[in-house]
Amino acid sequence: MKYITKAIWILSIVSLLTDTASEMLYPVMPIYLKAIGFSVVLIGVLEGVAEATAGLSKGYFGKLSDVMGKRVPFVQLGYTLSAVSKPLLALYAFPLWIFFARTLDRFGKGIRTGARDAILSDEATPATKGKVFGFHRAMDTLGAVIGPGLALLYLYIYPQDYRTLFLIAFIPGLLAILASLLLHKEQAGFSTPKAKINFFSFFGYWKYSPPAYRRLVAGLLVFALFNSSDVFLLLKIKQAGLSDTAVIGIYIFYNLVYALFAFPAGIVADKIGLKKMFIFGLALFAGVYFGMSANNSLYVYLLLFLLYGMYAAATEGISKAWISNITNKQDTATAIGTYAGFQSICTMVASSLAGLVWYSFGASATFIFTGVATLLVIVYLLLFVTYNPDTSMQQV
């Protein structure tokens, strides 16, 4: 564990606390939104817009972090905005206000993500990227176990009291802000020519990025184009007749699996190769979506969410580790942010499209469509994308 430095520990604890706050609300959000009049289509649009905001701002602020040569201020500001957004959700039930509060949360995520991932990358070597990103994802996702657990306990005592839950979620968010202050404010360790950038200037990175980056990201973006929000998985099991408690319980189970497998997946990925681990994860994803297309029992849903947790562990941190290993160190935040920017557009389309397909053809069509598309992405990665990290790129 000597490769888990102080900075990695701090970032991981901050992420754990923030995810505790966010995930207290995530599994109840679709239930709450439907209760105040949101349709399935509008929920899809909300999630799409929120994720698009996060992704596009990841690109801009990732580029800005590289240009300024600073990381910590972006991390601290981003976590602060996300924490503040939680109690705002409790103030009003108007759709526009909900859009604003949810978007503010995602905007905070966009500000911090590129800089945070760049710090993680700087603290690792090409041979330990899987472990480092896996450890961070494990800690982050542990918050996704604690958060829903607290929500489940609270709603058991105070059924349907969602607004108070939004206020309670501010507490771990505030602790995350305080923990982020332990990070040392220092230069990122390199100098980049200063240039005026606009909100979309990070897209220019695509033109001069390494060919290996473009090939990989092309496949990841096609996958993102069909990978809608997890809200639809929760809606599916809710539609199957499960109680609110069961829905939250299954979501906790999924995140527990994710948290337990993320670090081991990173260790294995460093040994067998990030590409093999990532493709394994996509195969699990396809299997889960095909399984979700049918009406199943509680036990089958538990199995599917077990596999879904393993998929997340095998892909989320691994994709960032892969990207950081095939790009220049001084462009790490830009590279990850550019991918996130393009991904945000795809995610917005994916969530909106999923809502429309669900509304027009039913839930089964939505999941089958995504499963087939994922299999095509696997074929593309196997045939056209290689994993040959250039360690010289990781030198300052």
Protein backbone atom coordinates (compact mmCIF):
# COMPACT_ATOMS: atom_id res chain seq x y z
CA MET A 1 0.00 0.00 0.00
CA LYS A 2 3.05 2.30 -0.16
CA TYR A 3 1.80 3.61 -3.50
CA ILE A 4 -1.27 5.09 -1.74
CA THR A 5 0.14 8.51 -0.83
CA LYS A 6 -1.22 11.14 1.55
CA ALA A 7 -2.80 13.09 -1.33
CA ILE A 8 -4.53 9.95 -2.60
CA TRP A 9 -5.89 9.24 0.88
CA ILE A 10 -7.23 12.78 1.27
CA LEU A 11 -8.86 12.79 -2.15
CA SER A 12 -10.37 9.37 -1.49
CA ILE A 13 -11.82 10.45 1.88
CA VAL A 14 -13.23 13.64 0.35
CA SER A 15 -14.81 11.58 -2.42
CA LEU A 16 -16.23 9.13 0.14
CA LEU A 17 -17.91 11.94 2.07
CA THR A 18 -19.23 13.65 -1.05
CA ASP A 19 -20.59 10.41 -2.44
CA THR A 20 -22.23 9.70 0.90
CA ALA A 21 -24.11 12.98 0.51
CA SER A 22 -24.95 12.48 -3.17
CA GLU A 23 -25.97 8.85 -2.86
CA MET A 24 -28.28 9.56 0.06
CA LEU A 25 -30.41 11.25 -2.57
CA TYR A 26 -29.71 9.38 -5.81
CA PRO A 27 -31.84 6.25 -5.24
CA VAL A 28 -34.79 8.31 -4.01
CA MET A 29 -34.53 10.98 -6.71
CA PRO A 30 -36.62 9.14 -9.33
CA ILE A 31 -39.23 8.33 -6.68
CA TYR A 32 -39.28 11.92 -5.43
CA LEU A 33 -39.38 13.36 -8.95
CA LYS A 34 -42.34 11.21 -9.92
CA ALA A 35 -44.08 12.21 -6.69
CA ILE A 36 -43.84 15.93 -7.59
CA GLY A 37 -45.07 15.38 -11.14
CA PHE A 38 -42.03 14.51 -13.29
CA SER A 39 -42.74 12.05 -16.12
CA VAL A 40 -40.27 9.35 -17.18
CA VAL A 41 -39.36 11.44 -20.24
CA LEU A 42 -38.73 14.55 -18.12
CA ILE A 43 -36.61 12.54 -15.68
CA GLY A 44 -34.53 11.37 -18.63
CA VAL A 45 -34.11 14.93 -19.87
CA LEU A 46 -33.17 16.15 -16.37
CA GLU A 47 -30.51 13.48 -15.96
CA GLY A 48 -29.22 14.09 -19.47
CA VAL A 49 -28.91 17.85 -18.98
CA ALA A 50 -27.33 17.41 -15.55
CA GLU A 51 -24.72 15.00 -16.84
CA ALA A 52 -24.09 17.14 -19.91
CA THR A 53 -23.36 20.09 -17.63
CA ALA A 54 -20.92 17.99 -15.63
CA GLY A 55 -19.19 16.64 -18.71
CA LEU A 56 -18.82 19.90 -20.60
CA SER A 57 -17.54 21.71 -17.52
CA LYS A 58 -15.09 18.83 -16.91
CA GLY A 59 -13.56 19.58 -20.28
CA TYR A 60 -13.27 23.33 -19.74
CA PHE A 61 -12.00 23.21 -16.17
CA GLY A 62 -9.68 20.30 -16.97
CA LYS A 63 -8.11 22.42 -19.70
CA LEU A 64 -8.01 25.45 -17.39
CA SER A 65 -6.29 23.38 -14.71
CA ASP A 66 -3.59 22.32 -17.18
CA VAL A 67 -3.13 25.86 -18.51
CA MET A 68 -2.88 27.36 -15.01
CA GLY A 69 -0.73 24.51 -13.70
CA LYS A 70 -2.96 24.24 -10.62
CA ARG A 71 -5.15 21.45 -9.27
CA VAL A 72 -6.22 21.96 -5.64
CA PRO A 73 -8.34 25.14 -6.04
CA PHE A 74 -10.49 23.40 -8.65
CA VAL A 75 -10.92 20.39 -6.38
CA GLN A 76 -11.99 22.51 -3.41
CA LEU A 77 -14.41 24.74 -5.35
CA GLY A 78 -16.00 21.76 -7.08
CA TYR A 79 -16.71 19.88 -3.89
CA THR A 80 -18.08 23.05 -2.27
CA LEU A 81 -20.67 23.63 -5.01
CA SER A 82 -21.82 20.03 -4.90
CA ALA A 83 -22.28 20.21 -1.13
CA VAL A 84 -24.29 23.43 -1.32
CA SER A 85 -26.62 22.01 -3.98
CA LYS A 86 -28.04 19.36 -1.63
CA PRO A 87 -30.12 21.59 0.68
CA LEU A 88 -31.23 23.67 -2.31
CA LEU A 89 -33.22 20.67 -3.56
CA ALA A 90 -35.36 20.89 -0.43
CA LEU A 91 -36.41 24.50 -0.87
CA TYR A 92 -38.86 24.24 -3.79
CA ALA A 93 -40.52 21.48 -5.81
CA PHE A 94 -40.77 23.51 -9.02
CA PRO A 95 -39.23 21.77 -12.06
CA LEU A 96 -36.99 24.72 -13.01
CA TRP A 97 -35.62 24.94 -9.48
CA ILE A 98 -34.95 21.21 -9.42
CA PHE A 99 -33.13 21.56 -12.74
CA PHE A 100 -31.03 24.40 -11.29
CA ALA A 101 -30.07 22.57 -8.06
CA ARG A 102 -29.31 19.29 -9.83
CA THR A 103 -27.26 21.12 -12.47
CA LEU A 104 -25.29 23.01 -9.78
CA ASP A 105 -24.35 19.67 -8.22
CA ARG A 106 -23.11 18.36 -11.56
CA PHE A 107 -21.32 21.65 -12.31
CA GLY A 108 -19.34 21.20 -9.12
CA LYS A 109 -18.42 17.71 -10.27
CA GLY A 110 -17.28 19.14 -13.58
CA ILE A 111 -15.01 21.69 -11.92
CA ARG A 112 -13.21 19.18 -9.71
CA THR A 113 -12.98 15.98 -11.74
CA GLY A 114 -10.21 16.73 -14.23
CA ALA A 115 -7.94 18.32 -11.63
CA ARG A 116 -8.61 15.56 -9.10
CA ASP A 117 -7.91 12.77 -11.57
CA ALA A 118 -4.74 14.57 -12.68
CA ILE A 119 -3.54 14.59 -9.05
CA LEU A 120 -4.26 10.86 -8.79
CA SER A 121 -2.37 10.27 -12.03
CA ASP A 122 0.59 12.38 -10.86
CA GLU A 123 0.74 10.39 -7.63
CA ALA A 124 1.00 7.09 -9.53
CA THR A 125 3.26 5.44 -12.10
CA PRO A 126 2.09 3.74 -15.32
CA ALA A 127 2.46 0.40 -13.54
CA THR A 128 0.27 1.41 -10.59
CA LYS A 129 -2.46 3.47 -12.29
CA GLY A 130 -5.00 0.65 -12.03
CA LYS A 131 -4.37 0.26 -8.30
CA VAL A 132 -4.49 3.99 -7.55
CA PHE A 133 -7.62 4.73 -9.55
CA GLY A 134 -9.17 1.50 -8.28
CA PHE A 135 -8.48 2.46 -4.66
CA HIS A 136 -10.03 5.89 -5.19
CA ARG A 137 -13.10 4.39 -6.85
CA ALA A 138 -13.43 1.89 -3.97
CA MET A 139 -13.41 4.67 -1.37
CA ASP A 140 -15.70 6.86 -3.46
CA THR A 141 -18.18 4.04 -3.90
CA LEU A 142 -18.06 3.15 -0.21
CA GLY A 143 -19.85 6.46 0.21
CA ALA A 144 -22.47 5.13 -2.18
CA VAL A 145 -23.04 2.33 0.33
CA ILE A 146 -23.13 4.52 3.42
CA GLY A 147 -25.33 7.21 1.83
CA PRO A 148 -28.24 5.03 0.72
CA GLY A 149 -27.94 3.10 3.98
CA LEU A 150 -28.52 6.28 5.94
CA ALA A 151 -31.35 7.21 3.57
CA LEU A 152 -32.97 3.81 4.05
CA LEU A 153 -32.77 4.14 7.83
CA TYR A 154 -34.20 7.65 7.79
CA LEU A 155 -37.07 6.81 5.43
CA TYR A 156 -37.88 3.75 7.54
CA ILE A 157 -38.41 6.08 10.50
CA TYR A 158 -39.91 8.95 8.49
CA PRO A 159 -41.52 7.50 5.35
CA GLN A 160 -41.61 9.79 2.28
CA ASP A 161 -39.98 12.72 4.12
CA TYR A 162 -37.66 13.39 1.20
CA ARG A 163 -37.09 17.11 1.73
CA THR A 164 -35.59 16.70 5.19
CA LEU A 165 -33.30 14.04 3.75
CA PHE A 166 -31.94 16.64 1.30
CA LEU A 167 -31.04 18.86 4.25
CA ILE A 168 -29.34 16.03 6.13
CA ALA A 169 -27.24 15.27 3.05
CA PHE A 170 -25.49 18.62 3.52
CA ILE A 171 -23.68 17.32 6.62
CA PRO A 172 -21.28 14.86 4.92
CA GLY A 173 -20.91 17.39 2.10
CA LEU A 174 -19.70 19.98 4.61
CA LEU A 175 -17.24 17.46 6.08
CA ALA A 176 -15.91 16.86 2.56
CA ILE A 177 -15.25 20.58 2.14
CA LEU A 178 -13.30 20.66 5.41
CA ALA A 179 -11.29 17.56 4.45
CA SER A 180 -10.36 19.09 1.09
CA LEU A 181 -8.63 21.92 2.96
CA LEU A 182 -5.93 19.41 3.98
CA LEU A 183 -4.67 19.34 0.39
CA HIS A 184 -1.59 21.49 -0.11
CA LYS A 185 -2.05 24.36 -2.54
CA GLU A 186 0.87 24.03 -4.91
CA GLN A 187 1.72 24.13 -8.59
CA ALA A 188 0.97 21.00 -10.59
CA GLY A 189 4.70 20.63 -11.29
CA PHE A 190 4.85 21.76 -14.91
CA SER A 191 4.45 24.88 -16.96
CA THR A 192 2.06 25.28 -19.87
CA PRO A 193 2.01 28.23 -22.27
CA LYS A 194 -0.68 30.59 -21.04
CA ALA A 195 -3.49 31.11 -23.50
CA LYS A 196 -7.00 32.49 -23.42
CA ILE A 197 -9.49 29.65 -23.54
CA ASN A 198 -13.22 29.62 -23.99
CA PHE A 199 -15.70 27.10 -22.64
CA PHE A 200 -15.32 24.76 -25.64
CA SER A 201 -11.64 25.29 -26.40
CA PHE A 202 -10.76 21.95 -24.82
CA PHE A 203 -12.30 20.26 -27.86
CA GLY A 204 -9.22 21.36 -29.79
CA TYR A 205 -7.23 18.75 -27.87
CA TRP A 206 -8.73 16.09 -30.10
CA LYS A 207 -6.71 17.40 -33.06
CA TYR A 208 -3.28 17.01 -31.45
CA SER A 209 -3.98 14.13 -29.04
CA PRO A 210 -2.14 10.81 -29.54
CA PRO A 211 -3.76 8.45 -32.11
CA ALA A 212 -4.14 5.80 -29.40
CA TYR A 213 -6.21 8.27 -27.39
CA ARG A 214 -8.53 9.03 -30.30
CA ARG A 215 -9.08 5.35 -31.09
CA LEU A 216 -9.85 4.50 -27.47
CA VAL A 217 -12.10 7.48 -26.81
CA ALA A 218 -14.05 6.85 -30.03
CA GLY A 219 -15.06 3.44 -28.68
CA LEU A 220 -15.82 4.80 -25.22
CA LEU A 221 -18.06 7.49 -26.70
CA VAL A 222 -20.08 5.04 -28.76
CA PHE A 223 -20.67 3.09 -25.57
CA ALA A 224 -21.67 6.29 -23.75
CA LEU A 225 -24.15 7.05 -26.51
CA PHE A 226 -26.20 4.04 -25.39
CA ASN A 227 -25.37 3.95 -21.67
CA SER A 228 -28.22 5.89 -20.06
CA SER A 229 -28.48 6.96 -16.44
CA ASP A 230 -28.72 4.30 -13.72
CA VAL A 231 -32.04 5.91 -12.83
CA PHE A 232 -33.63 3.72 -15.50
CA LEU A 233 -32.37 0.56 -13.80
CA LEU A 234 -33.97 1.73 -10.57
CA LEU A 235 -37.20 2.59 -12.36
CA LYS A 236 -37.25 -0.88 -13.91
CA ILE A 237 -37.07 -2.71 -10.59
CA LYS A 238 -39.56 -0.27 -9.11
CA GLN A 239 -41.89 -0.98 -12.05
CA ALA A 240 -41.50 -4.69 -11.33
CA GLY A 241 -43.31 -4.17 -8.05
CA LEU A 242 -40.48 -3.78 -5.57
CA SER A 243 -41.02 -1.44 -2.64
CA ASP A 244 -39.04 1.78 -2.12
CA THR A 245 -37.08 -0.01 0.59
CA ALA A 246 -36.19 -2.88 -1.74
CA VAL A 247 -35.13 -0.47 -4.50
CA ILE A 248 -32.79 1.39 -2.15
CA GLY A 249 -31.57 -1.90 -0.68
CA ILE A 250 -30.62 -3.26 -4.12
CA TYR A 251 -28.86 -0.01 -4.94
CA ILE A 252 -26.85 -0.27 -1.72
CA PHE A 253 -25.98 -3.85 -2.62
CA TYR A 254 -24.77 -2.77 -6.08
CA ASN A 255 -22.51 -0.09 -4.62
CA LEU A 256 -21.16 -2.46 -1.98
CA VAL A 257 -20.14 -4.88 -4.72
CA TYR A 258 -18.62 -1.99 -6.66
CA ALA A 259 -16.65 -0.80 -3.64
CA LEU A 260 -15.39 -4.28 -2.78
CA PHE A 261 -14.27 -5.12 -6.32
CA ALA A 262 -12.83 -1.75 -7.48
CA PHE A 263 -9.43 -2.03 -5.77
CA PRO A 264 -8.90 -5.75 -6.58
CA ALA A 265 -9.95 -5.04 -10.18
CA GLY A 266 -7.30 -2.34 -10.36
CA ILE A 267 -4.65 -4.70 -9.01
CA VAL A 268 -5.57 -7.39 -11.53
CA ALA A 269 -5.77 -4.85 -14.36
CA ASP A 270 -2.18 -3.73 -13.70
CA LYS A 271 -1.13 -7.37 -14.10
CA ILE A 272 -3.18 -8.53 -17.09
CA GLY A 273 -3.61 -5.18 -18.86
CA LEU A 274 -6.18 -2.42 -18.59
CA LYS A 275 -7.75 -3.32 -21.94
CA LYS A 276 -8.60 -6.89 -20.92
CA MET A 277 -10.18 -5.74 -17.67
CA PHE A 278 -12.19 -3.04 -19.38
CA ILE A 279 -13.58 -5.41 -22.03
CA PHE A 280 -14.47 -7.90 -19.32
CA GLY A 281 -16.45 -5.14 -17.63
CA LEU A 282 -18.32 -4.29 -20.84
CA ALA A 283 -19.24 -7.94 -21.29
CA LEU A 284 -20.76 -7.93 -17.80
CA PHE A 285 -22.67 -4.74 -18.65
CA ALA A 286 -24.17 -6.29 -21.78
CA GLY A 287 -25.26 -9.35 -19.82
CA VAL A 288 -26.91 -7.19 -17.17
CA TYR A 289 -28.88 -5.16 -19.71
CA PHE A 290 -30.10 -8.23 -21.53
CA GLY A 291 -31.16 -9.64 -18.17
CA MET A 292 -32.97 -6.43 -17.22
CA SER A 293 -35.07 -6.65 -20.38
CA ALA A 294 -37.11 -9.44 -18.80
CA ASN A 295 -39.40 -9.36 -15.78
CA ASN A 296 -37.54 -11.09 -12.99
CA SER A 297 -37.78 -11.95 -9.32
CA LEU A 298 -36.00 -10.15 -6.51
CA TYR A 299 -33.24 -12.77 -6.47
CA VAL A 300 -32.56 -12.40 -10.20
CA TYR A 301 -32.37 -8.63 -9.81
CA LEU A 302 -29.88 -9.13 -6.97
CA LEU A 303 -27.73 -11.27 -9.28
CA LEU A 304 -27.94 -8.68 -12.05
CA PHE A 305 -26.94 -5.86 -9.72
CA LEU A 306 -24.08 -8.03 -8.42
CA LEU A 307 -22.79 -8.25 -12.00
CA TYR A 308 -23.49 -4.57 -12.52
CA GLY A 309 -21.31 -3.70 -9.53
CA MET A 310 -18.52 -5.84 -10.96
CA TYR A 311 -18.92 -4.08 -14.33
CA ALA A 312 -18.52 -0.66 -12.70
CA ALA A 313 -15.45 -1.82 -10.76
CA ALA A 314 -13.87 -3.12 -13.96
CA THR A 315 -14.45 0.00 -16.06
CA GLU A 316 -14.91 3.30 -14.18
CA GLY A 317 -11.43 3.78 -12.76
CA ILE A 318 -9.81 1.61 -15.42
CA SER A 319 -10.87 3.88 -18.28
CA LYS A 320 -9.29 6.92 -16.60
CA ALA A 321 -6.12 4.98 -15.81
CA TRP A 322 -5.97 3.86 -19.46
CA ILE A 323 -6.39 7.41 -20.77
CA SER A 324 -3.79 8.84 -18.38
CA ASN A 325 -1.28 6.18 -19.47
CA ILE A 326 -1.48 7.03 -23.18
CA THR A 327 -1.37 10.84 -22.91
CA ASN A 328 1.23 13.40 -21.87
CA LYS A 329 1.40 14.20 -18.17
CA GLN A 330 0.91 17.93 -18.69
CA ASP A 331 -2.31 17.19 -20.62
CA THR A 332 -3.84 14.70 -18.17
CA ALA A 333 -6.71 16.91 -16.97
CA THR A 334 -7.39 18.07 -20.53
CA ALA A 335 -7.35 14.51 -21.91
CA ILE A 336 -9.75 13.20 -19.29
CA GLY A 337 -11.82 16.37 -19.46
CA THR A 338 -12.06 16.28 -23.26
CA TYR A 339 -13.29 12.70 -23.11
CA ALA A 340 -15.81 13.75 -20.46
CA GLY A 341 -16.93 16.68 -22.60
CA PHE A 342 -17.69 14.49 -25.59
CA GLN A 343 -19.13 11.85 -23.28
CA SER A 344 -21.53 14.38 -21.80
CA ILE A 345 -23.11 15.00 -25.16
CA CYS A 346 -23.51 11.27 -25.68
CA THR A 347 -24.91 10.82 -22.17
CA MET A 348 -27.45 13.55 -22.69
CA VAL A 349 -28.59 11.83 -25.86
CA ALA A 350 -28.51 8.40 -24.20
CA SER A 351 -30.67 9.34 -21.21
CA SER A 352 -33.13 11.34 -23.30
CA LEU A 353 -33.31 8.57 -25.90
CA ALA A 354 -33.79 5.91 -23.23
CA GLY A 355 -36.72 7.86 -21.81
CA LEU A 356 -38.32 8.15 -25.25
CA VAL A 357 -37.74 4.49 -26.16
CA TRP A 358 -39.12 3.42 -22.79
CA TYR A 359 -42.19 5.61 -23.27
CA SER A 360 -42.77 4.45 -26.87
CA PHE A 361 -41.78 0.77 -26.83
CA GLY A 362 -41.44 -0.22 -23.19
CA ALA A 363 -38.56 -0.97 -20.82
CA SER A 364 -37.48 -4.21 -22.53
CA ALA A 365 -36.70 -2.46 -25.81
CA THR A 366 -34.54 0.09 -23.99
CA PHE A 367 -32.35 -2.54 -22.34
CA ILE A 368 -32.05 -4.83 -25.37
CA PHE A 369 -31.04 -1.90 -27.57
CA THR A 370 -28.26 -0.94 -25.16
CA GLY A 371 -27.06 -4.52 -24.77
CA VAL A 372 -26.65 -5.02 -28.51
CA ALA A 373 -24.79 -1.73 -28.90
CA THR A 374 -22.39 -2.73 -26.11
CA LEU A 375 -21.50 -5.97 -27.88
CA LEU A 376 -20.59 -3.97 -30.99
CA VAL A 377 -18.33 -1.72 -28.90
CA ILE A 378 -16.55 -4.80 -27.51
CA VAL A 379 -15.85 -6.01 -31.05
CA TYR A 380 -14.46 -2.59 -31.98
CA LEU A 381 -12.12 -2.49 -28.97
CA LEU A 382 -10.88 -6.00 -29.68
CA LEU A 383 -10.14 -5.30 -33.34
CA PHE A 384 -9.05 -1.68 -33.50
CA VAL A 385 -7.74 -0.54 -30.09
CA THR A 386 -4.42 -1.65 -28.62
CA TYR A 387 -3.01 -0.91 -25.19
CA ASN A 388 0.64 0.09 -25.36
CA PRO A 389 1.31 2.72 -22.72
CA ASP A 390 4.16 5.08 -23.57
CA THR A 391 5.95 5.62 -20.27
CA SER A 392 7.89 8.54 -21.74
CA MET A 393 4.63 10.48 -21.83
CA GLN A 394 4.43 10.28 -18.06
CA GLN A 395 7.68 12.19 -17.56
CA VAL A 396 7.66 15.92 -16.89
